[in-house]
Amino acid sequence: GNTASAACCVCGGGFYGENVPSSSPTMSAEPSISAAPTGNPSISASPTDLCFDIEGWSDSGGGDCAWYGRPVGDDDYYYEENLDQFARCKIFGADYENMGFVANEACCVCGGGILPNS
């Protein structure tokens, strides 16, 4: 038996991302030994957070988080040469609410989404 704080995701336990156990584990006939950790761990200059988009969300016009993540292109009405890859979030991200959220709240690519343990 596990306690709620060890087993429950909402309580700070459970498994996230790559740490989810396999649904069909296998046993090795010859287990391997992992290398010892180095004495000088490095810290990433640009760490990333595990983030989840609001499941099933799309804006009131039908644009989902994948659409917001694509760069503005020649076929877009608001195309300008100087817009960066996050232009759709900047142009439309605060508008077109659906399900109580706009893209800037619902989509990781726009700075929203759900961060576990936050």
Foldseek 3Di string as FASTA:
>chain_A
DDDCCQPPQVNPHNDDDPRHDDPDDDDDPDDDDDDDDDPDDDDDPDDDFDFAFDPPDDFQVGHDLVNQQAADDPVDPPDDPPDDRNVSCVPFQVDRDDPNHGNCAGHVSNVHGDGGPD
